[in-house]
C-alpha atoms as a PDB file:
ATOM      1  CA  MET A   1       3.490 -19.099  10.213  1.00  0.00           C
ATOM      2  CA  VAL A   2       1.880 -16.350   7.799  1.00  0.00           C
ATOM      3  CA  SER A   3      -1.999 -15.622   7.428  1.00  0.00           C
ATOM      4  CA  VAL A   4      -3.505 -13.250   4.849  1.00  0.00           C
ATOM      5  CA  GLY A   5      -6.765 -11.412   5.025  1.00  0.00           C
ATOM      6  CA  VAL A   6      -7.970  -9.005   2.171  1.00  0.00           C
ATOM      7  CA  ILE A   7     -10.414  -6.432   0.988  1.00  0.00           C
ATOM      8  CA  SER A   8     -10.529  -4.417  -1.908  1.00  0.00           C
ATOM      9  CA  GLU A   9     -14.068  -2.319  -2.213  1.00  0.00           C
ATOM     10  CA  LYS A  10     -15.066   0.308  -5.481  1.00  0.00           C
ATOM     11  CA  GLY A  11     -16.388   2.210  -2.711  1.00  0.00           C
ATOM     12  CA  SER A  12     -18.918   5.036  -4.330  1.00  0.00           C
ATOM     13  CA  ARG A  13     -17.137   5.094  -7.291  1.00  0.00           C
ATOM     14  CA  ASP A  14     -17.546   2.931 -10.677  1.00  0.00           C
ATOM     15  CA  ILE A  15     -14.532   0.981 -11.024  1.00  0.00           C
ATOM     16  CA  ASN A  16     -12.160  -0.083  -8.463  1.00  0.00           C
ATOM     17  CA  GLU A  17      -8.836   0.918  -9.821  1.00  0.00           C
ATOM     18  CA  ASP A  18      -7.345  -0.650  -6.656  1.00  0.00           C
ATOM     19  CA  THR A  19      -5.466  -3.756  -7.028  1.00  0.00           C
ATOM     20  CA  ILE A  20      -4.045  -6.618  -5.051  1.00  0.00           C
ATOM     21  CA  GLY A  21      -1.904  -9.563  -4.651  1.00  0.00           C
ATOM     22  CA  TYR A  22       0.201 -11.927  -2.825  1.00  0.00           C
ATOM     23  CA  LYS A  23       2.425 -14.810  -3.937  1.00  0.00           C
ATOM     24  CA  SER A  24       4.843 -17.499  -1.528  1.00  0.00           C
ATOM     25  CA  ARG A  25       7.794 -19.078  -2.892  1.00  0.00           C
ATOM     26  CA  GLY A  26       9.192 -21.326  -0.190  1.00  0.00           C
ATOM     27  CA  ASP A  27       9.771 -19.916   3.128  1.00  0.00           C
ATOM     28  CA  GLU A  28       9.148 -17.024   1.290  1.00  0.00           C
ATOM     29  CA  TRP A  29       6.128 -14.051   0.679  1.00  0.00           C
ATOM     30  CA  CYS A  30       5.293 -11.035  -1.498  1.00  0.00           C
ATOM     31  CA  PHE A  31       2.872  -8.448  -0.894  1.00  0.00           C
ATOM     32  CA  VAL A  32       1.795  -5.885  -2.761  1.00  0.00           C
ATOM     33  CA  ILE A  33      -0.728  -2.755  -2.834  1.00  0.00           C
ATOM     34  CA  ALA A  34      -1.174  -0.200  -5.534  1.00  0.00           C
ATOM     35  CA  ASP A  35      -3.964   2.979  -6.164  1.00  0.00           C
ATOM     36  CA  GLY A  36      -4.455   3.714  -9.498  1.00  0.00           C
ATOM     37  CA  LEU A  37      -4.629   7.457 -10.872  1.00  0.00           C
ATOM     38  CA  GLY A  38      -5.965   8.804 -13.716  1.00  0.00           C
ATOM     39  CA  GLY A  39      -9.720   7.768 -13.877  1.00  0.00           C
ATOM     40  CA  HIS A  40     -12.015   6.099 -17.063  1.00  0.00           C
ATOM     41  CA  GLY A  41     -10.266   3.185 -16.030  1.00  0.00           C
ATOM     42  CA  LYS A  42      -6.163   4.137 -16.497  1.00  0.00           C
ATOM     43  CA  GLY A  43      -5.954   4.016 -12.884  1.00  0.00           C
ATOM     44  CA  GLU A  44      -6.938   0.029 -12.992  1.00  0.00           C
ATOM     45  CA  VAL A  45      -4.531  -0.319 -15.741  1.00  0.00           C
ATOM     46  CA  ALA A  46      -1.798   0.985 -14.123  1.00  0.00           C
ATOM     47  CA  SER A  47      -1.911  -0.734 -10.815  1.00  0.00           C
ATOM     48  CA  GLY A  48      -2.867  -3.589 -12.457  1.00  0.00           C
ATOM     49  CA  LEU A  49       0.601  -3.389 -14.329  1.00  0.00           C
ATOM     50  CA  ALA A  50       2.594  -3.076 -11.602  1.00  0.00           C
ATOM     51  CA  VAL A  51       0.923  -5.352  -8.935  1.00  0.00           C
ATOM     52  CA  GLN A  52       1.564  -8.015 -11.956  1.00  0.00           C
ATOM     53  CA  THR A  53       5.110  -6.930 -12.529  1.00  0.00           C
ATOM     54  CA  ALA A  54       6.084  -7.054  -9.201  1.00  0.00           C
ATOM     55  CA  LEU A  55       4.635 -10.298  -8.631  1.00  0.00           C
ATOM     56  CA  LYS A  56       6.073 -12.304 -11.473  1.00  0.00           C
ATOM     57  CA  MET A  57       9.261 -11.112 -10.965  1.00  0.00           C
ATOM     58  CA  PHE A  58       9.060 -11.930  -7.369  1.00  0.00           C
ATOM     59  CA  GLU A  59       8.165 -15.661  -8.588  1.00  0.00           C
ATOM     60  CA  LYS A  60      10.967 -15.949 -11.150  1.00  0.00           C
ATOM     61  CA  ARG A  61      13.560 -14.704  -8.821  1.00  0.00           C
ATOM     62  CA  GLY A  62      12.298 -14.785  -5.371  1.00  0.00           C
ATOM     63  CA  PHE A  63      13.345 -12.118  -3.067  1.00  0.00           C
ATOM     64  CA  TYR A  64      17.235 -11.203  -3.422  1.00  0.00           C
ATOM     65  CA  ASP A  65      19.182  -8.150  -2.352  1.00  0.00           C
ATOM     66  CA  ASP A  66      17.706  -5.452  -5.319  1.00  0.00           C
ATOM     67  CA  TYR A  67      14.747  -7.083  -5.506  1.00  0.00           C
ATOM     68  CA  LEU A  68      12.263  -3.872  -4.362  1.00  0.00           C
ATOM     69  CA  PRO A  69      14.650  -1.215  -6.106  1.00  0.00           C
ATOM     70  CA  ASP A  70      14.739  -3.537  -9.223  1.00  0.00           C
ATOM     71  CA  VAL A  71      10.665  -3.862  -9.299  1.00  0.00           C
ATOM     72  CA  PHE A  72       9.903   0.050  -8.523  1.00  0.00           C
ATOM     73  CA  LYS A  73      12.369   0.809 -11.184  1.00  0.00           C
ATOM     74  CA  LEU A  74      10.803  -1.977 -14.286  1.00  0.00           C
ATOM     75  CA  CYS A  75       7.631  -1.083 -12.926  1.00  0.00           C
ATOM     76  CA  GLN A  76       8.062   3.073 -13.912  1.00  0.00           C
ATOM     77  CA  ASN A  77       9.892   2.235 -16.997  1.00  0.00           C
ATOM     78  CA  ARG A  78       6.739  -0.451 -18.084  1.00  0.00           C
ATOM     79  CA  LEU A  79       4.015   2.430 -17.406  1.00  0.00           C
ATOM     80  CA  ILE A  80       6.113   4.965 -18.861  1.00  0.00           C
ATOM     81  CA  GLN A  81       5.934   2.602 -22.264  1.00  0.00           C
ATOM     82  CA  GLU A  82       2.535   1.660 -21.683  1.00  0.00           C
ATOM     83  CA  GLN A  83       1.639   5.315 -21.978  1.00  0.00           C
ATOM     84  CA  LYS A  84       3.522   6.019 -24.794  1.00  0.00           C
ATOM     85  CA  ASN A  85       1.997   3.141 -26.473  1.00  0.00           C
ATOM     86  CA  ALA A  86      -1.446   3.883 -25.453  1.00  0.00           C
ATOM     87  CA  CYS A  87      -0.791   7.755 -26.134  1.00  0.00           C
ATOM     88  CA  GLU A  88      -2.107   8.570 -22.614  1.00  0.00           C
ATOM     89  CA  THR A  89       1.243  10.560 -21.108  1.00  0.00           C
ATOM     90  CA  MET A  90      -1.173  12.398 -18.457  1.00  0.00           C
ATOM     91  CA  ASP A  91      -3.179   9.196 -17.343  1.00  0.00           C
ATOM     92  CA  MET A  92      -2.099   5.653 -16.264  1.00  0.00           C
ATOM     93  CA  LYS A  93      -0.168   6.377 -12.727  1.00  0.00           C
ATOM     94  CA  THR A  94      -0.497   4.571  -9.174  1.00  0.00           C
ATOM     95  CA  THR A  95       0.947   4.100  -6.106  1.00  0.00           C
ATOM     96  CA  MET A  96       2.435   1.391  -4.544  1.00  0.00           C
ATOM     97  CA  VAL A  97       3.770  -0.601  -1.700  1.00  0.00           C
ATOM     98  CA  ILE A  98       5.481  -4.069  -1.502  1.00  0.00           C
ATOM     99  CA  CYS A  99       6.465  -5.871   1.280  1.00  0.00           C
ATOM    100  CA  CYS A 100       8.565  -9.035   1.167  1.00  0.00           C
ATOM    101  CA  VAL A 101       9.224 -11.650   4.468  1.00  0.00           C
ATOM    102  CA  ASN A 102      11.250 -14.609   4.892  1.00  0.00           C
ATOM    103  CA  ARG A 103      12.101 -16.435   8.077  1.00  0.00           C
ATOM    104  CA  ASP A 104      14.671 -13.723   9.424  1.00  0.00           C
ATOM    105  CA  SER A 105      13.342 -10.065   7.970  1.00  0.00           C
ATOM    106  CA  ILE A 106      10.693  -8.204   6.553  1.00  0.00           C
ATOM    107  CA  ARG A 107      11.711  -5.706   3.959  1.00  0.00           C
ATOM    108  CA  TRP A 108       9.138  -2.657   2.063  1.00  0.00           C
ATOM    109  CA  GLY A 109       9.730  -0.101  -0.122  1.00  0.00           C
ATOM    110  CA  HIS A 110       6.547   2.823  -1.435  1.00  0.00           C
ATOM    111  CA  ILE A 111       5.754   5.359  -3.647  1.00  0.00           C
ATOM    112  CA  GLY A 112       2.934   7.528  -3.102  1.00  0.00           C
ATOM    113  CA  ASP A 113       0.522   7.709  -0.364  1.00  0.00           C
ATOM    114  CA  SER A 114      -0.742   4.158   0.078  1.00  0.00           C
ATOM    115  CA  ARG A 115       0.507   2.662   3.661  1.00  0.00           C
ATOM    116  CA  LEU A 116       2.170  -0.209   5.544  1.00  0.00           C
ATOM    117  CA  TYR A 117       1.750  -0.451   9.149  1.00  0.00           C
ATOM    118  CA  LEU A 118       3.716  -3.171  11.434  1.00  0.00           C
ATOM    119  CA  PHE A 119       2.537  -3.901  14.806  1.00  0.00           C
ATOM    120  CA  GLU A 120       4.191  -5.728  17.420  1.00  0.00           C
ATOM    121  CA  GLY A 121       3.894  -7.258  20.370  1.00  0.00           C
ATOM    122  CA  GLY A 122       0.380  -7.417  21.958  1.00  0.00           C
ATOM    123  CA  PHE A 123       0.353  -5.387  20.052  1.00  0.00           C
ATOM    124  CA  ARG A 124       1.506  -2.054  19.188  1.00  0.00           C
ATOM    125  CA  LEU A 125       2.317   0.116  15.999  1.00  0.00           C
ATOM    126  CA  VAL A 126       5.931  -0.017  15.778  1.00  0.00           C
ATOM    127  CA  LYS A 127       6.407   1.397  12.121  1.00  0.00           C
ATOM    128  CA  ARG A 128       4.462   3.424   8.958  1.00  0.00           C
ATOM    129  CA  THR A 129       5.637   4.429   6.361  1.00  0.00           C
ATOM    130  CA  LEU A 130       4.914   8.336   5.244  1.00  0.00           C
ATOM    131  CA  ASP A 131       3.047   9.183   2.612  1.00  0.00           C
ATOM    132  CA  HIS A 132       4.221  11.383  -0.837  1.00  0.00           C
ATOM    133  CA  SER A 133       1.755  13.860  -0.972  1.00  0.00           C
ATOM    134  CA  VAL A 134       1.496  17.411   0.244  1.00  0.00           C
ATOM    135  CA  PRO A 135      -0.182  17.073   3.271  1.00  0.00           C
ATOM    136  CA  GLN A 136       2.383  15.140   4.489  1.00  0.00           C
ATOM    137  CA  MET A 137       4.979  17.661   3.090  1.00  0.00           C
ATOM    138  CA  LEU A 138       2.715  20.406   5.434  1.00  0.00           C
ATOM    139  CA  VAL A 139       3.255  17.911   8.493  1.00  0.00           C
ATOM    140  CA  TYR A 140       7.378  18.059   8.007  1.00  0.00           C
ATOM    141  CA  ALA A 141       7.166  21.871   7.533  1.00  0.00           C
ATOM    142  CA  LYS A 142       5.594  21.475  10.983  1.00  0.00           C
ATOM    143  CA  GLU A 143       2.254  23.837   9.418  1.00  0.00           C
ATOM    144  CA  ILE A 144      -0.489  20.998  10.413  1.00  0.00           C
ATOM    145  CA  ARG A 145      -0.721  17.789  12.861  1.00  0.00           C
ATOM    146  CA  GLU A 146      -0.441  14.102  11.214  1.00  0.00           C
ATOM    147  CA  LYS A 147      -4.028  13.467  12.307  1.00  0.00           C
ATOM    148  CA  ASP A 148      -4.836  16.432   9.497  1.00  0.00           C
ATOM    149  CA  ILE A 149      -3.368  14.602   7.032  1.00  0.00           C
ATOM    150  CA  ARG A 150      -6.504  12.727   6.533  1.00  0.00           C
ATOM    151  CA  PHE A 151      -9.356  14.895   5.559  1.00  0.00           C
ATOM    152  CA  HIS A 152      -6.650  17.974   4.399  1.00  0.00           C
ATOM    153  CA  PRO A 153      -8.079  19.707   1.227  1.00  0.00           C
ATOM    154  CA  ASP A 154      -4.843  18.427  -0.728  1.00  0.00           C
ATOM    155  CA  ARG A 155      -4.802  15.380   0.230  1.00  0.00           C
ATOM    156  CA  ASN A 156      -5.085  13.783  -3.001  1.00  0.00           C
ATOM    157  CA  ARG A 157      -2.128  15.754  -4.141  1.00  0.00           C
ATOM    158  CA  LEU A 158       0.979  13.395  -4.401  1.00  0.00           C
ATOM    159  CA  MET A 159       4.086  14.291  -4.745  1.00  0.00           C
ATOM    160  CA  LYS A 160       5.667  10.968  -6.073  1.00  0.00           C
ATOM    161  CA  ALA A 161       4.072   7.992  -8.382  1.00  0.00           C
ATOM    162  CA  LEU A 162       4.671   5.265 -10.466  1.00  0.00           C
ATOM    163  CA  GLY A 163       3.934   6.614 -13.890  1.00  0.00           C
ATOM    164  CA  ALA A 164       4.797  10.169 -13.255  1.00  0.00           C
ATOM    165  CA  GLU A 165       8.114  11.689 -14.452  1.00  0.00           C
ATOM    166  CA  TRP A 166      10.939  10.996 -11.988  1.00  0.00           C
ATOM    167  CA  SER A 167      13.419  13.984 -11.196  1.00  0.00           C
ATOM    168  CA  ARG A 168      16.188  11.531  -9.819  1.00  0.00           C
ATOM    169  CA  GLU A 169      16.986   7.631 -10.299  1.00  0.00           C
ATOM    170  CA  ASN A 170      14.888   6.712  -7.136  1.00  0.00           C
ATOM    171  CA  GLU A 171      11.336   8.205  -6.184  1.00  0.00           C
ATOM    172  CA  TYR A 172      10.752   5.248  -4.274  1.00  0.00           C
ATOM    173  CA  GLU A 173      11.554   5.064  -0.678  1.00  0.00           C
ATOM    174  CA  LEU A 174      12.950   2.155   1.059  1.00  0.00           C
ATOM    175  CA  GLY A 175      12.228   0.964   4.729  1.00  0.00           C
ATOM    176  CA  GLU A 176      14.827  -0.350   6.627  1.00  0.00           C
ATOM    177  CA  SER A 177      14.944  -4.082   7.272  1.00  0.00           C
ATOM    178  CA  VAL A 178      13.140  -4.815  10.574  1.00  0.00           C
ATOM    179  CA  GLY A 179      13.856  -8.632  12.069  1.00  0.00           C
ATOM    180  CA  ARG A 180      11.238 -10.729  12.555  1.00  0.00           C
ATOM    181  CA  LYS A 181       9.625 -11.764  15.758  1.00  0.00           C
ATOM    182  CA  ARG A 182       7.255 -14.153  17.374  1.00  0.00           C
ATOM    183  CA  LYS A 183       4.334 -12.195  17.287  1.00  0.00           C
ATOM    184  CA  GLN A 184       4.029  -9.127  13.867  1.00  0.00           C
ATOM    185  CA  ALA A 185       0.893  -8.117  12.230  1.00  0.00           C
ATOM    186  CA  LEU A 186       1.619  -6.251   8.958  1.00  0.00           C
ATOM    187  CA  LEU A 187      -1.111  -3.649   7.284  1.00  0.00           C
ATOM    188  CA  LEU A 188      -0.805  -2.427   3.793  1.00  0.00           C
ATOM    189  CA  CYS A 189      -3.539  -0.195   2.475  1.00  0.00           C
ATOM    190  CA  THR A 190      -4.869   2.433   0.032  1.00  0.00           C
ATOM    191  CA  ASP A 191      -5.931   6.081   1.189  1.00  0.00           C
ATOM    192  CA  GLY A 192      -9.251   5.250   0.513  1.00  0.00           C
ATOM    193  CA  PHE A 193      -8.816   3.037   3.235  1.00  0.00           C
ATOM    194  CA  TRP A 194      -6.679   4.590   5.917  1.00  0.00           C
ATOM    195  CA  GLU A 195      -8.248   8.035   5.727  1.00  0.00           C
ATOM    196  CA  LEU A 196     -11.963   6.274   7.257  1.00  0.00           C
ATOM    197  CA  ILE A 197     -10.078   4.348   9.959  1.00  0.00           C
ATOM    198  CA  GLU A 198      -7.879   5.397  12.317  1.00  0.00           C
ATOM    199  CA  GLU A 199      -4.813   3.443  13.926  1.00  0.00           C
ATOM    200  CA  LYS A 200      -6.468   3.486  17.567  1.00  0.00           C
ATOM    201  CA  ALA A 201      -8.855   1.586  15.718  1.00  0.00           C
ATOM    202  CA  MET A 202      -7.138  -0.364  13.711  1.00  0.00           C
ATOM    203  CA  LEU A 203      -5.125  -1.637  17.066  1.00  0.00           C
ATOM    204  CA  LYS A 204      -8.300  -2.471  18.820  1.00  0.00           C
ATOM    205  CA  ALA A 205      -9.757  -4.642  15.789  1.00  0.00           C
ATOM    206  CA  LEU A 206      -5.935  -6.248  15.702  1.00  0.00           C
ATOM    207  CA  ARG A 207      -6.360  -7.192  19.227  1.00  0.00           C
ATOM    208  CA  LYS A 208      -9.793  -8.302  19.286  1.00  0.00           C
ATOM    209  CA  ALA A 209      -9.438 -10.653  16.243  1.00  0.00           C
ATOM    210  CA  ASP A 210      -8.993 -14.525  15.764  1.00  0.00           C
ATOM    211  CA  SER A 211      -7.800 -13.863  12.319  1.00  0.00           C
ATOM    212  CA  ALA A 212      -5.966 -11.889   9.911  1.00  0.00           C
ATOM    213  CA  GLN A 213      -9.590 -12.049   7.799  1.00  0.00           C
ATOM    214  CA  ASN A 214     -11.257 -11.636  10.933  1.00  0.00           C
ATOM    215  CA  TRP A 215      -8.965  -8.062  11.432  1.00  0.00           C
ATOM    216  CA  ALA A 216      -9.653  -6.988   7.721  1.00  0.00           C
ATOM    217  CA  ASP A 217     -13.449  -7.752   8.359  1.00  0.00           C
ATOM    218  CA  MET A 218     -13.373  -5.735  11.471  1.00  0.00           C
ATOM    219  CA  MET A 219     -11.674  -2.765  10.165  1.00  0.00           C
ATOM    220  CA  LYS A 220     -13.904  -2.817   6.972  1.00  0.00           C
ATOM    221  CA  GLU A 221     -16.805  -2.486   9.478  1.00  0.00           C
ATOM    222  CA  THR A 222     -15.107   0.678  10.681  1.00  0.00           C
ATOM    223  CA  VAL A 223     -14.464   2.017   7.166  1.00  0.00           C
ATOM    224  CA  LEU A 224     -18.202   1.804   6.008  1.00  0.00           C
ATOM    225  CA  LYS A 225     -19.216   3.032   9.343  1.00  0.00           C
ATOM    226  CA  ASN A 226     -16.916   6.351   9.111  1.00  0.00           C
ATOM    227  CA  GLY A 227     -17.884   6.431   5.599  1.00  0.00           C
ATOM    228  CA  THR A 228     -21.845   6.856   5.909  1.00  0.00           C
ATOM    229  CA  GLY A 229     -22.847   9.684   4.017  1.00  0.00           C
ATOM    230  CA  ARG A 230     -19.634  10.443   2.319  1.00  0.00           C
ATOM    231  CA  MET A 231     -18.396  10.122  -1.514  1.00  0.00           C
ATOM    232  CA  MET A 232     -16.049   7.179  -0.821  1.00  0.00           C
ATOM    233  CA  ASP A 233     -12.961   6.312  -3.080  1.00  0.00           C
ATOM    234  CA  ASN A 234     -11.813   3.100  -3.599  1.00  0.00           C
ATOM    235  CA  TYR A 235     -10.279   1.261  -0.169  1.00  0.00           C
ATOM    236  CA  SER A 236      -8.365  -2.090  -0.170  1.00  0.00           C
ATOM    237  CA  ALA A 237      -5.796  -3.789   2.746  1.00  0.00           C
ATOM    238  CA  ILE A 238      -4.337  -6.770   2.882  1.00  0.00           C
ATOM    239  CA  CYS A 239      -3.577  -7.944   6.448  1.00  0.00           C
ATOM    240  CA  VAL A 240      -0.688 -10.204   7.267  1.00  0.00           C
ATOM    241  CA  TRP A 241      -0.739 -12.269  10.662  1.00  0.00           C
ATOM    242  CA  LEU A 242       3.209 -13.001  11.424  1.00  0.00           C
ATOM    243  CA  THR A 243       4.276 -16.334  14.167  1.00  0.00           C
ATOM    244  CA  ARG A 244       7.427 -17.743  14.356  1.00  0.00           C
END
C-alpha cells in the first residue's frame, strides 16, 4: 500500500518556483520534485517542464531499467532547447529528485540540492541524498560539519543543475536500489523545506503521524515556526508511506 501527502508553498517569495508531482501506473509509482532557479518566473518554467517531462515518460512507459538516466537526459535537452527558444540561457534551471517505487524496490536519482530521505523500521533514517552544492563540497573537504550546511552563506551555490552546462554526460546522481520492506517512508523536499527542519524533527513527526499527509502537515508547522522572522524561500515536500 502507498499513501501520499504533499505541501508546496511560496514562503516569503512572490512566486512559487517549486513544482511537485506524482503518478501511479499499476503497482508502480513515480514521485518528482523540482526547485526552479533563475527568478522572474523562469525557474517556475524550468521546474514545471522537468516534472512534466518525467511524469509523462513514466505514464507512457512505466519504470524500466534506464528510465532514470533517460529522464535526466531528456529534461536537460528540453531545458537547453527552451532556453535557446526564449533567449534565456542564464535562467531556466532547476534541481530535481525522482523516486520510483514498485512491489520489490525503491530507486531514485537527483541533481542539485533538493533531497530524498528514506526512513525504515520504527522509524530510523537510513538514506539521504547528498547535495550538489558548495557547502556539501566543504563537508567532503572536512572544512565544515554536516549540520553547518543549513545556514552556510554559500548554501544556494549549486555545482550541478538541470539547464546548466554539463561538463560530462551524466551530471545527475543515481542512488542504489533499495528493497521494499514492511514499513518504510520517503520524504522528497526542496532546500526551502529541509533547511528549516532538522532530521530529528522529521523523525519525531513521523513517529507521531497517523497518515502521510499528517506527517507533512506536522513538519510544515516546524518549518513555519523555524522560519519566523526570516525571508522564507519556497518550500515543498512529498511524503510517502509504504507498507507491504
